[in-house]
Amino acid sequence: MKSEGPITGEEVASRLDVTRATLRPDLTILTMAGILEAKPRVGYTYIGEGEMEALSYLKELRVGDVKAAPVVVSAGATAYDALVTMMLEDQGTVFVVDENGYLTGVVSRQDLLRLSLGRTDLNNVPVGLIMTRVPQVITVTPEESIFTAAHKLTVHQVEALPVVRKGSGPGGPSDKQELLGRITKSIITKLFSEFGEKIN
């Protein structure tokens, strides 16, 4: 790319035999990291070689290194409880856990908005009726890379992912997932923003 730049995203995707949509998150990360320069209607130009060491550092970062504390409500909560928690914590997503801290579902701002548009009394709706249930919830583990987390956030168009690990019960391993934290678009954006400031 360095000798042939600028090159469009479509050309890169064609050469790698992938779709433009598949490549978009990677190009975004490389641009944010200062490895590529993106110009509208021109394409991408390779600009960073000295930054490759810094990029290697980013590639080594795991979700567990940057995760935040999860914002949770209990499985017995109401939609109103979820809304209040969301507002108090200034978050667009809350995670629903059982009495043992295992993830049972996720409630988003959009879920609550859809419910309230129907003029439903949020106090009378169990959170279990509106949440996205496990196993439909997209998750990450502490060992996964931040690049993997960024990719999942982008591809699945969600604001936050629960960070989990497989639970274990008295009888051995369990299908349940212990909720350890959260990774959000804001966390990823802040991380890349700080990275960009350090290499400039």
Foldseek 3Di string as FASTA:
>chain_A
DQVDPPDALCVVCVVVVHDSLLCVLVVVLCCLLVQWPQDPPGHIHGDDDPSVVVVVVLQQAFCLVQFAAAQEDEQQAFQVVVVVSCVVVVHQKHFYAYPVQWTFFIDGVVLSVVVVVVVDDRRPGGPVVRTHGPPVADAAERGHHVSVVSSCCSVVVDFKHFHWDFDADPVGTDNTTHTDGMDGPVSSVVVSNVSSVVVD
